[in-house]
Amino acid sequence: MDLRNKIVLVTGGAHRLGRAVALQLATKGADIAITFHSSEQAAIDTEAEIEALGVRALRIQADAADADDVERMLDNTERELGPIDAWVACAGVFRRTPFGTAIRADWDDMMRGNFETFRVPAERIGPAMSRRGHGAIIAFADVAAIRPWRDYVPYCTSKSRVLHHARHLARSLAPGVRVNAILPGPV
């Protein structure tokens, strides 16, 4: 796939896996918008690295689980770079929360940080891509969505929601918009 002059949004693109994805896409010629929730310095550094590759970059502070932030994030991306051709959903949280010790706040945080950060933007990005007749959505789930880890119950459950929502989006947005979920193991 030729990514030159394509606009790619990477939610959670400031550090870790999202950063690696954003930089790799930039090496292929895509203009990249990255979002960050609280990692501002990492976002500044990643934006500079992307620009050093000769493509346009945009960093946006946003909570991808908040509808108002998502609206602002998408408006800024389209105003500064153009319509989004692809979205890579990398935003997420990960921590050990064994069954029986995880409290309601752990469950809420995992669902918000892993599932809602995919569901909420998808409600706006998917239909916009569908109206244009093309686009790609890539959701980072986790192999734990199908092979859960013992001490990470809320995390595994939230990632299984990502996987199943991606499957539903794929059916709903086809054939113009391609939706895939990636299930990496530990990185």
N, C-alpha and C. Protein backbone atom coordinates (compact mmCIF):
# COMPACT_ATOMS: atom_id res chain seq x y z
N MET A 1 0.84 -1.19 0.00
CA MET A 1 0.00 0.00 0.00
C MET A 1 0.88 1.24 0.00
N ASP A 2 0.63 2.12 -0.92
CA ASP A 2 1.38 3.37 -1.03
C ASP A 2 0.83 4.37 -0.01
N LEU A 3 1.65 4.79 0.92
CA LEU A 3 1.21 5.71 1.96
C LEU A 3 1.64 7.15 1.72
N ARG A 4 2.33 7.41 0.63
CA ARG A 4 2.75 8.78 0.36
C ARG A 4 1.55 9.69 0.26
N ASN A 5 1.63 10.79 1.02
CA ASN A 5 0.58 11.81 1.05
C ASN A 5 -0.74 11.33 1.66
N LYS A 6 -0.72 10.24 2.35
CA LYS A 6 -1.89 9.77 3.09
C LYS A 6 -1.85 10.38 4.49
N ILE A 7 -3.03 10.57 5.06
CA ILE A 7 -3.14 11.12 6.40
C ILE A 7 -3.51 9.98 7.34
N VAL A 8 -2.65 9.75 8.33
CA VAL A 8 -2.87 8.67 9.29
C VAL A 8 -2.92 9.26 10.69
N LEU A 9 -3.97 8.91 11.40
CA LEU A 9 -4.13 9.28 12.80
C LEU A 9 -3.73 8.08 13.66
N VAL A 10 -2.84 8.31 14.62
CA VAL A 10 -2.44 7.26 15.56
C VAL A 10 -2.81 7.74 16.96
N THR A 11 -3.91 7.22 17.48
CA THR A 11 -4.27 7.57 18.86
C THR A 11 -3.35 6.78 19.79
N GLY A 12 -2.83 7.48 20.78
CA GLY A 12 -1.84 6.86 21.65
C GLY A 12 -0.49 6.76 20.96
N GLY A 13 -0.20 7.70 20.08
CA GLY A 13 1.01 7.62 19.26
C GLY A 13 2.24 8.28 19.83
N ALA A 14 2.21 8.73 21.06
CA ALA A 14 3.35 9.46 21.62
C ALA A 14 4.48 8.56 22.09
N HIS A 15 4.16 7.37 22.58
CA HIS A 15 5.21 6.51 23.12
C HIS A 15 4.85 5.05 22.95
N ARG A 16 5.79 4.21 23.35
CA ARG A 16 5.67 2.76 23.27
C ARG A 16 5.26 2.30 21.87
N LEU A 17 4.31 1.39 21.80
CA LEU A 17 3.91 0.79 20.53
C LEU A 17 3.34 1.82 19.55
N GLY A 18 2.54 2.75 20.04
CA GLY A 18 1.97 3.77 19.16
C GLY A 18 3.03 4.62 18.50
N ARG A 19 4.08 4.96 19.24
CA ARG A 19 5.20 5.73 18.69
C ARG A 19 5.88 4.94 17.57
N ALA A 20 6.15 3.66 17.81
CA ALA A 20 6.80 2.82 16.80
C ALA A 20 5.96 2.75 15.54
N VAL A 21 4.66 2.61 15.70
CA VAL A 21 3.75 2.56 14.55
C VAL A 21 3.79 3.87 13.78
N ALA A 22 3.68 4.99 14.51
CA ALA A 22 3.68 6.30 13.87
C ALA A 22 4.97 6.53 13.09
N LEU A 23 6.10 6.21 13.69
CA LEU A 23 7.38 6.41 13.01
C LEU A 23 7.50 5.52 11.77
N GLN A 24 7.07 4.28 11.87
CA GLN A 24 7.14 3.37 10.72
C GLN A 24 6.27 3.88 9.57
N LEU A 25 5.06 4.33 9.89
CA LEU A 25 4.17 4.86 8.85
C LEU A 25 4.78 6.11 8.21
N ALA A 26 5.44 6.92 9.01
CA ALA A 26 6.09 8.12 8.49
C ALA A 26 7.22 7.77 7.53
N THR A 27 7.94 6.69 7.79
CA THR A 27 9.02 6.28 6.87
C THR A 27 8.46 5.87 5.52
N LYS A 28 7.18 5.53 5.47
CA LYS A 28 6.53 5.14 4.22
C LYS A 28 5.89 6.34 3.52
N GLY A 29 6.06 7.54 4.10
CA GLY A 29 5.59 8.76 3.44
C GLY A 29 4.27 9.31 3.93
N ALA A 30 3.67 8.70 4.94
CA ALA A 30 2.38 9.20 5.45
C ALA A 30 2.60 10.42 6.33
N ASP A 31 1.67 11.36 6.26
CA ASP A 31 1.61 12.46 7.21
C ASP A 31 0.89 11.92 8.44
N ILE A 32 1.41 12.25 9.62
CA ILE A 32 0.95 11.58 10.84
C ILE A 32 0.43 12.57 11.87
N ALA A 33 -0.76 12.29 12.38
CA ALA A 33 -1.28 12.97 13.56
C ALA A 33 -1.20 11.98 14.70
N ILE A 34 -0.59 12.39 15.81
CA ILE A 34 -0.54 11.53 16.99
C ILE A 34 -1.31 12.20 18.11
N THR A 35 -1.93 11.37 18.92
CA THR A 35 -2.59 11.91 20.11
C THR A 35 -1.88 11.38 21.35
N PHE A 36 -2.01 12.17 22.40
CA PHE A 36 -1.48 11.77 23.68
C PHE A 36 -2.46 12.26 24.74
N HIS A 37 -2.50 11.55 25.84
CA HIS A 37 -3.37 11.95 26.93
C HIS A 37 -2.60 12.78 27.95
N SER A 38 -1.48 12.23 28.44
CA SER A 38 -0.72 12.96 29.45
C SER A 38 0.78 12.96 29.19
N SER A 39 1.24 12.31 28.16
CA SER A 39 2.68 12.19 27.86
C SER A 39 3.13 13.28 26.90
N GLU A 40 3.05 14.53 27.35
CA GLU A 40 3.32 15.65 26.45
C GLU A 40 4.75 15.65 25.92
N GLN A 41 5.74 15.45 26.78
CA GLN A 41 7.13 15.50 26.29
C GLN A 41 7.38 14.37 25.29
N ALA A 42 6.85 13.20 25.55
CA ALA A 42 7.00 12.10 24.60
C ALA A 42 6.36 12.46 23.27
N ALA A 43 5.21 13.14 23.31
CA ALA A 43 4.52 13.55 22.08
C ALA A 43 5.35 14.59 21.32
N ILE A 44 5.93 15.53 22.03
CA ILE A 44 6.79 16.55 21.39
C ILE A 44 7.97 15.87 20.71
N ASP A 45 8.60 14.93 21.40
CA ASP A 45 9.74 14.21 20.84
C ASP A 45 9.35 13.39 19.61
N THR A 46 8.23 12.68 19.70
CA THR A 46 7.77 11.85 18.58
C THR A 46 7.40 12.72 17.39
N GLU A 47 6.73 13.83 17.63
CA GLU A 47 6.38 14.75 16.54
C GLU A 47 7.65 15.22 15.82
N ALA A 48 8.68 15.57 16.57
CA ALA A 48 9.94 16.03 15.97
C ALA A 48 10.59 14.91 15.15
N GLU A 49 10.56 13.68 15.66
CA GLU A 49 11.14 12.55 14.93
C GLU A 49 10.38 12.29 13.62
N ILE A 50 9.07 12.43 13.66
CA ILE A 50 8.27 12.24 12.45
C ILE A 50 8.62 13.31 11.42
N GLU A 51 8.66 14.57 11.85
CA GLU A 51 9.00 15.67 10.93
C GLU A 51 10.39 15.51 10.34
N ALA A 52 11.32 14.96 11.13
CA ALA A 52 12.69 14.73 10.64
C ALA A 52 12.71 13.73 9.49
N LEU A 53 11.66 12.95 9.36
CA LEU A 53 11.56 11.98 8.26
C LEU A 53 11.00 12.62 6.98
N GLY A 54 10.72 13.91 7.03
CA GLY A 54 10.29 14.63 5.83
C GLY A 54 8.81 14.63 5.56
N VAL A 55 8.01 14.31 6.55
CA VAL A 55 6.55 14.34 6.39
C VAL A 55 5.97 15.29 7.43
N ARG A 56 4.71 15.61 7.25
CA ARG A 56 4.05 16.49 8.21
C ARG A 56 3.63 15.69 9.44
N ALA A 57 3.68 16.38 10.58
CA ALA A 57 3.29 15.75 11.84
C ALA A 57 2.44 16.74 12.63
N LEU A 58 1.55 16.18 13.41
CA LEU A 58 0.69 16.99 14.26
C LEU A 58 0.48 16.22 15.56
N ARG A 59 0.70 16.88 16.70
CA ARG A 59 0.43 16.26 17.99
C ARG A 59 -0.77 16.95 18.61
N ILE A 60 -1.64 16.14 19.20
CA ILE A 60 -2.88 16.66 19.77
C ILE A 60 -3.09 16.01 21.14
N GLN A 61 -3.25 16.85 22.15
CA GLN A 61 -3.60 16.33 23.47
C GLN A 61 -5.09 16.04 23.46
N ALA A 62 -5.46 14.81 23.77
CA ALA A 62 -6.88 14.43 23.77
C ALA A 62 -7.09 13.16 24.57
N ASP A 63 -8.24 13.07 25.17
CA ASP A 63 -8.70 11.84 25.80
C ASP A 63 -9.57 11.14 24.76
N ALA A 64 -9.05 10.07 24.18
CA ALA A 64 -9.76 9.40 23.08
C ALA A 64 -11.05 8.74 23.53
N ALA A 65 -11.32 8.69 24.83
CA ALA A 65 -12.57 8.14 25.32
C ALA A 65 -13.61 9.22 25.58
N ASP A 66 -13.26 10.47 25.33
CA ASP A 66 -14.16 11.60 25.56
C ASP A 66 -14.66 12.14 24.22
N ALA A 67 -15.96 12.15 24.01
CA ALA A 67 -16.54 12.53 22.72
C ALA A 67 -16.16 13.96 22.31
N ASP A 68 -16.14 14.89 23.24
CA ASP A 68 -15.77 16.27 22.90
C ASP A 68 -14.31 16.36 22.49
N ASP A 69 -13.43 15.67 23.21
CA ASP A 69 -12.02 15.66 22.84
C ASP A 69 -11.82 15.01 21.47
N VAL A 70 -12.55 13.94 21.22
CA VAL A 70 -12.44 13.27 19.92
C VAL A 70 -12.88 14.20 18.80
N GLU A 71 -13.96 14.90 19.00
CA GLU A 71 -14.45 15.85 17.99
C GLU A 71 -13.37 16.90 17.69
N ARG A 72 -12.77 17.46 18.73
CA ARG A 72 -11.72 18.46 18.57
C ARG A 72 -10.49 17.85 17.89
N MET A 73 -10.11 16.64 18.31
CA MET A 73 -8.97 15.93 17.75
C MET A 73 -9.14 15.72 16.24
N LEU A 74 -10.31 15.28 15.85
CA LEU A 74 -10.56 15.02 14.43
C LEU A 74 -10.66 16.31 13.63
N ASP A 75 -11.30 17.32 14.20
CA ASP A 75 -11.38 18.61 13.52
C ASP A 75 -9.99 19.19 13.31
N ASN A 76 -9.13 19.14 14.34
CA ASN A 76 -7.76 19.65 14.22
C ASN A 76 -6.97 18.89 13.16
N THR A 77 -7.11 17.58 13.16
CA THR A 77 -6.39 16.76 12.18
C THR A 77 -6.81 17.13 10.76
N GLU A 78 -8.11 17.21 10.53
CA GLU A 78 -8.58 17.53 9.17
C GLU A 78 -8.22 18.95 8.76
N ARG A 79 -8.27 19.88 9.69
CA ARG A 79 -7.93 21.27 9.37
C ARG A 79 -6.43 21.41 9.05
N GLU A 80 -5.58 20.75 9.83
CA GLU A 80 -4.13 20.89 9.67
C GLU A 80 -3.53 19.98 8.59
N LEU A 81 -4.05 18.76 8.47
CA LEU A 81 -3.46 17.79 7.55
C LEU A 81 -4.38 17.38 6.41
N GLY A 82 -5.67 17.28 6.67
CA GLY A 82 -6.63 16.83 5.66
C GLY A 82 -7.46 15.68 6.19
N PRO A 83 -8.34 15.15 5.34
CA PRO A 83 -9.19 14.02 5.74
C PRO A 83 -8.35 12.79 6.10
N ILE A 84 -8.77 12.08 7.10
CA ILE A 84 -8.03 10.92 7.60
C ILE A 84 -8.26 9.73 6.67
N ASP A 85 -7.15 9.19 6.17
CA ASP A 85 -7.20 8.00 5.32
C ASP A 85 -7.14 6.72 6.13
N ALA A 86 -6.42 6.77 7.25
CA ALA A 86 -6.28 5.59 8.09
C ALA A 86 -6.18 6.02 9.55
N TRP A 87 -6.70 5.17 10.41
CA TRP A 87 -6.63 5.40 11.84
C TRP A 87 -6.09 4.14 12.50
N VAL A 88 -5.05 4.32 13.32
CA VAL A 88 -4.49 3.23 14.09
C VAL A 88 -4.78 3.51 15.56
N ALA A 89 -5.57 2.66 16.18
CA ALA A 89 -5.99 2.84 17.56
C ALA A 89 -5.02 2.12 18.50
N CYS A 90 -4.08 2.90 19.06
CA CYS A 90 -3.07 2.34 19.97
C CYS A 90 -3.24 2.78 21.41
N ALA A 91 -4.13 3.70 21.67
CA ALA A 91 -4.29 4.20 23.05
C ALA A 91 -4.70 3.05 23.96
N GLY A 92 -4.14 3.02 25.14
CA GLY A 92 -4.51 1.96 26.06
C GLY A 92 -3.78 2.02 27.38
N VAL A 93 -4.25 1.21 28.31
CA VAL A 93 -3.63 1.07 29.62
C VAL A 93 -3.40 -0.41 29.90
N PHE A 94 -2.39 -0.69 30.71
CA PHE A 94 -2.02 -2.07 30.99
C PHE A 94 -1.45 -2.13 32.40
N ARG A 95 -2.00 -2.98 33.22
CA ARG A 95 -1.42 -3.23 34.53
C ARG A 95 -2.00 -4.53 35.11
N ARG A 96 -1.26 -5.10 36.02
CA ARG A 96 -1.65 -6.35 36.67
C ARG A 96 -2.83 -6.08 37.61
N THR A 97 -3.90 -6.84 37.43
CA THR A 97 -5.11 -6.71 38.26
C THR A 97 -5.74 -8.10 38.40
N PRO A 98 -5.21 -8.91 39.30
CA PRO A 98 -5.70 -10.28 39.45
C PRO A 98 -7.18 -10.34 39.84
N PHE A 99 -7.82 -11.40 39.40
CA PHE A 99 -9.21 -11.65 39.76
C PHE A 99 -9.30 -11.72 41.28
N GLY A 100 -10.31 -11.09 41.82
CA GLY A 100 -10.50 -11.09 43.26
C GLY A 100 -9.86 -9.90 43.95
N THR A 101 -8.90 -9.27 43.28
CA THR A 101 -8.28 -8.08 43.87
C THR A 101 -8.62 -6.83 43.07
N ALA A 102 -9.04 -7.02 41.84
CA ALA A 102 -9.41 -5.87 41.01
C ALA A 102 -10.70 -5.25 41.56
N ILE A 103 -10.66 -3.95 41.76
CA ILE A 103 -11.84 -3.24 42.25
C ILE A 103 -12.55 -2.56 41.09
N ARG A 104 -13.71 -2.03 41.36
CA ARG A 104 -14.53 -1.39 40.31
C ARG A 104 -13.73 -0.34 39.53
N ALA A 105 -12.92 0.44 40.23
CA ALA A 105 -12.12 1.47 39.57
C ALA A 105 -11.14 0.85 38.56
N ASP A 106 -10.59 -0.33 38.86
CA ASP A 106 -9.70 -1.02 37.91
C ASP A 106 -10.46 -1.40 36.65
N TRP A 107 -11.65 -1.98 36.85
CA TRP A 107 -12.47 -2.36 35.70
C TRP A 107 -12.84 -1.14 34.86
N ASP A 108 -13.28 -0.08 35.52
CA ASP A 108 -13.68 1.14 34.80
C ASP A 108 -12.50 1.72 34.03
N ASP A 109 -11.33 1.76 34.66
CA ASP A 109 -10.14 2.31 34.01
C ASP A 109 -9.74 1.50 32.79
N MET A 110 -9.77 0.18 32.90
CA MET A 110 -9.39 -0.67 31.77
C MET A 110 -10.40 -0.56 30.62
N MET A 111 -11.67 -0.53 30.95
CA MET A 111 -12.68 -0.40 29.90
C MET A 111 -12.58 0.97 29.21
N ARG A 112 -12.39 2.01 30.00
CA ARG A 112 -12.25 3.35 29.43
C ARG A 112 -10.95 3.47 28.62
N GLY A 113 -9.85 3.03 29.22
CA GLY A 113 -8.54 3.21 28.59
C GLY A 113 -8.26 2.32 27.41
N ASN A 114 -8.94 1.18 27.33
CA ASN A 114 -8.69 0.24 26.23
C ASN A 114 -9.86 0.13 25.25
N PHE A 115 -11.07 0.02 25.75
CA PHE A 115 -12.21 -0.14 24.85
C PHE A 115 -12.81 1.19 24.41
N GLU A 116 -13.10 2.07 25.35
CA GLU A 116 -13.75 3.34 24.99
C GLU A 116 -12.85 4.20 24.11
N THR A 117 -11.53 4.08 24.26
CA THR A 117 -10.62 4.84 23.40
C THR A 117 -10.64 4.34 21.97
N PHE A 118 -11.24 3.19 21.74
CA PHE A 118 -11.48 2.68 20.39
C PHE A 118 -12.92 2.96 19.96
N ARG A 119 -13.86 2.67 20.82
CA ARG A 119 -15.28 2.81 20.47
C ARG A 119 -15.66 4.26 20.15
N VAL A 120 -15.28 5.18 21.00
CA VAL A 120 -15.71 6.57 20.84
C VAL A 120 -15.20 7.18 19.53
N PRO A 121 -13.89 7.11 19.22
CA PRO A 121 -13.46 7.66 17.93
C PRO A 121 -14.06 6.93 16.73
N ALA A 122 -14.28 5.61 16.87
CA ALA A 122 -14.84 4.84 15.76
C ALA A 122 -16.21 5.35 15.35
N GLU A 123 -16.97 5.86 16.32
CA GLU A 123 -18.31 6.38 16.02
C GLU A 123 -18.28 7.56 15.06
N ARG A 124 -17.20 8.30 15.03
CA ARG A 124 -17.08 9.44 14.12
C ARG A 124 -16.21 9.11 12.91
N ILE A 125 -15.10 8.42 13.14
CA ILE A 125 -14.17 8.13 12.04
C ILE A 125 -14.77 7.16 11.04
N GLY A 126 -15.38 6.09 11.52
CA GLY A 126 -15.94 5.07 10.61
C GLY A 126 -16.95 5.64 9.64
N PRO A 127 -17.99 6.35 10.10
CA PRO A 127 -18.96 6.92 9.17
C PRO A 127 -18.34 7.94 8.22
N ALA A 128 -17.38 8.74 8.69
CA ALA A 128 -16.74 9.73 7.80
C ALA A 128 -15.98 9.03 6.68
N MET A 129 -15.27 7.97 7.01
CA MET A 129 -14.56 7.21 5.98
C MET A 129 -15.56 6.55 5.03
N SER A 130 -16.62 6.03 5.58
CA SER A 130 -17.64 5.37 4.76
C SER A 130 -18.26 6.34 3.76
N ARG A 131 -18.54 7.56 4.21
CA ARG A 131 -19.10 8.57 3.30
C ARG A 131 -18.13 8.90 2.16
N ARG A 132 -16.83 8.89 2.44
CA ARG A 132 -15.82 9.15 1.40
C ARG A 132 -15.57 7.91 0.54
N GLY A 133 -16.03 6.75 1.00
CA GLY A 133 -15.90 5.53 0.22
C GLY A 133 -14.58 4.80 0.38
N HIS A 134 -13.75 5.24 1.32
CA HIS A 134 -12.48 4.53 1.53
C HIS A 134 -11.93 4.85 2.92
N GLY A 135 -11.02 4.00 3.35
CA GLY A 135 -10.33 4.21 4.62
C GLY A 135 -9.92 2.89 5.23
N ALA A 136 -9.07 3.00 6.23
CA ALA A 136 -8.60 1.81 6.93
C ALA A 136 -8.57 2.13 8.43
N ILE A 137 -9.04 1.19 9.21
CA ILE A 137 -9.01 1.30 10.66
C ILE A 137 -8.28 0.07 11.19
N ILE A 138 -7.26 0.31 12.00
CA ILE A 138 -6.50 -0.77 12.59
C ILE A 138 -6.57 -0.62 14.10
N ALA A 139 -7.12 -1.60 14.76
CA ALA A 139 -7.26 -1.57 16.22
C ALA A 139 -6.22 -2.50 16.83
N PHE A 140 -5.49 -1.99 17.81
CA PHE A 140 -4.58 -2.84 18.55
C PHE A 140 -5.34 -3.46 19.71
N ALA A 141 -5.65 -4.75 19.55
CA ALA A 141 -6.23 -5.52 20.65
C ALA A 141 -5.04 -6.18 21.34
N ASP A 142 -5.11 -7.43 21.60
CA ASP A 142 -4.01 -8.14 22.26
C ASP A 142 -4.31 -9.63 22.15
N VAL A 143 -3.28 -10.44 22.08
CA VAL A 143 -3.50 -11.88 22.06
C VAL A 143 -4.25 -12.32 23.32
N ALA A 144 -4.15 -11.52 24.38
CA ALA A 144 -4.87 -11.82 25.62
C ALA A 144 -6.38 -11.74 25.44
N ALA A 145 -6.84 -11.17 24.34
CA ALA A 145 -8.28 -11.14 24.05
C ALA A 145 -8.81 -12.53 23.76
N ILE A 146 -7.95 -13.41 23.26
CA ILE A 146 -8.39 -14.77 22.94
C ILE A 146 -7.71 -15.82 23.81
N ARG A 147 -6.59 -15.44 24.44
CA ARG A 147 -5.88 -16.32 25.38
C ARG A 147 -5.57 -15.50 26.64
N PRO A 148 -6.57 -15.33 27.50
CA PRO A 148 -6.39 -14.44 28.65
C PRO A 148 -5.28 -14.87 29.59
N TRP A 149 -4.66 -13.85 30.18
CA TRP A 149 -3.62 -14.06 31.17
C TRP A 149 -4.25 -14.04 32.56
N ARG A 150 -3.78 -14.89 33.40
CA ARG A 150 -4.38 -15.09 34.72
C ARG A 150 -4.51 -13.81 35.54
N ASP A 151 -3.50 -13.02 35.66
CA ASP A 151 -3.51 -11.88 36.57
C ASP A 151 -3.87 -10.55 35.90
N TYR A 152 -4.53 -10.62 34.76
CA TYR A 152 -4.87 -9.40 34.02
C TYR A 152 -6.32 -9.43 33.53
N VAL A 153 -7.22 -9.82 34.41
CA VAL A 153 -8.61 -10.06 34.02
C VAL A 153 -9.27 -8.83 33.39
N PRO A 154 -9.29 -7.66 34.02
CA PRO A 154 -9.94 -6.51 33.38
C PRO A 154 -9.28 -6.12 32.05
N TYR A 155 -7.95 -6.21 31.99
CA TYR A 155 -7.24 -5.88 30.75
C TYR A 155 -7.67 -6.82 29.63
N CYS A 156 -7.63 -8.12 29.89
CA CYS A 156 -8.00 -9.11 28.87
C CYS A 156 -9.44 -8.92 28.40
N THR A 157 -10.32 -8.66 29.33
CA THR A 157 -11.73 -8.45 28.99
C THR A 157 -11.89 -7.20 28.12
N SER A 158 -11.19 -6.14 28.47
CA SER A 158 -11.31 -4.90 27.67
C SER A 158 -10.76 -5.11 26.27
N LYS A 159 -9.69 -5.88 26.13
CA LYS A 159 -9.12 -6.13 24.80
C LYS A 159 -10.00 -7.06 23.98
N SER A 160 -10.73 -7.97 24.64
CA SER A 160 -11.67 -8.81 23.88
C SER A 160 -12.81 -7.95 23.33
N ARG A 161 -13.19 -6.93 24.05
CA ARG A 161 -14.20 -5.99 23.54
C ARG A 161 -13.69 -5.27 22.30
N VAL A 162 -12.41 -4.86 22.32
CA VAL A 162 -11.82 -4.20 21.15
C VAL A 162 -11.89 -5.14 19.95
N LEU A 163 -11.48 -6.38 20.14
CA LEU A 163 -11.50 -7.36 19.06
C LEU A 163 -12.90 -7.53 18.48
N HIS A 164 -13.88 -7.70 19.32
CA HIS A 164 -15.24 -7.94 18.83
C HIS A 164 -15.85 -6.68 18.21
N HIS A 165 -15.53 -5.54 18.75
CA HIS A 165 -16.03 -4.30 18.14
C HIS A 165 -15.41 -4.10 16.76
N ALA A 166 -14.15 -4.43 16.61
CA ALA A 166 -13.50 -4.33 15.30
C ALA A 166 -14.18 -5.25 14.30
N ARG A 167 -14.56 -6.43 14.73
CA ARG A 167 -15.27 -7.36 13.84
C ARG A 167 -16.61 -6.78 13.40
N HIS A 168 -17.32 -6.18 14.33
CA HIS A 168 -18.61 -5.57 13.98
C HIS A 168 -18.42 -4.38 13.03
N LEU A 169 -17.42 -3.56 13.31
CA LEU A 169 -17.15 -2.43 12.42
C LEU A 169 -16.77 -2.90 11.02
N ALA A 170 -15.99 -3.96 10.94
CA ALA A 170 -15.59 -4.49 9.64
C ALA A 170 -16.81 -4.86 8.80
N ARG A 171 -17.79 -5.49 9.42
CA ARG A 171 -19.01 -5.85 8.70
C ARG A 171 -19.86 -4.63 8.37
N SER A 172 -19.90 -3.68 9.29
CA SER A 172 -20.75 -2.51 9.10
C SER A 172 -20.20 -1.54 8.07
N LEU A 173 -18.89 -1.43 7.98
CA LEU A 173 -18.28 -0.40 7.12
C LEU A 173 -17.78 -0.95 5.78
N ALA A 174 -17.81 -2.26 5.61
CA ALA A 174 -17.38 -2.85 4.34
C ALA A 174 -18.36 -2.47 3.24
N PRO A 175 -17.94 -2.40 2.00
CA PRO A 175 -16.62 -2.73 1.50
C PRO A 175 -15.66 -1.54 1.42
N GLY A 176 -16.14 -0.33 1.61
CA GLY A 176 -15.28 0.83 1.41
C GLY A 176 -14.22 1.02 2.47
N VAL A 177 -14.52 0.64 3.70
CA VAL A 177 -13.58 0.84 4.80
C VAL A 177 -13.13 -0.53 5.30
N ARG A 178 -11.84 -0.71 5.34
CA ARG A 178 -11.26 -1.96 5.83
C ARG A 178 -10.98 -1.79 7.32
N VAL A 179 -11.41 -2.74 8.13
CA VAL A 179 -11.18 -2.71 9.57
C VAL A 179 -10.49 -4.00 9.98
N ASN A 180 -9.37 -3.86 10.67
CA ASN A 180 -8.64 -5.02 11.15
C ASN A 180 -8.26 -4.81 12.61
N ALA A 181 -8.14 -5.90 13.33
CA ALA A 181 -7.60 -5.87 14.68
C ALA A 181 -6.29 -6.66 14.68
N ILE A 182 -5.30 -6.11 15.35
CA ILE A 182 -4.02 -6.76 15.49
C ILE A 182 -3.92 -7.26 16.93
N LEU A 183 -3.43 -8.48 17.10
CA LEU A 183 -3.37 -9.08 18.43
C LEU A 183 -1.93 -9.44 18.78
N PRO A 184 -1.10 -8.43 19.09
CA PRO A 184 0.28 -8.75 19.46
C PRO A 184 0.34 -9.38 20.85
N GLY A 185 1.42 -10.04 21.10
CA GLY A 185 1.70 -10.53 22.44
C GLY A 185 2.48 -9.48 23.20
N PRO A 186 3.18 -9.86 24.25
CA PRO A 186 3.96 -8.89 25.02
C PRO A 186 4.98 -8.19 24.14
N VAL A 187 5.07 -6.87 24.31
CA VAL A 187 6.01 -6.06 23.53
C VAL A 187 6.94 -5.35 24.49
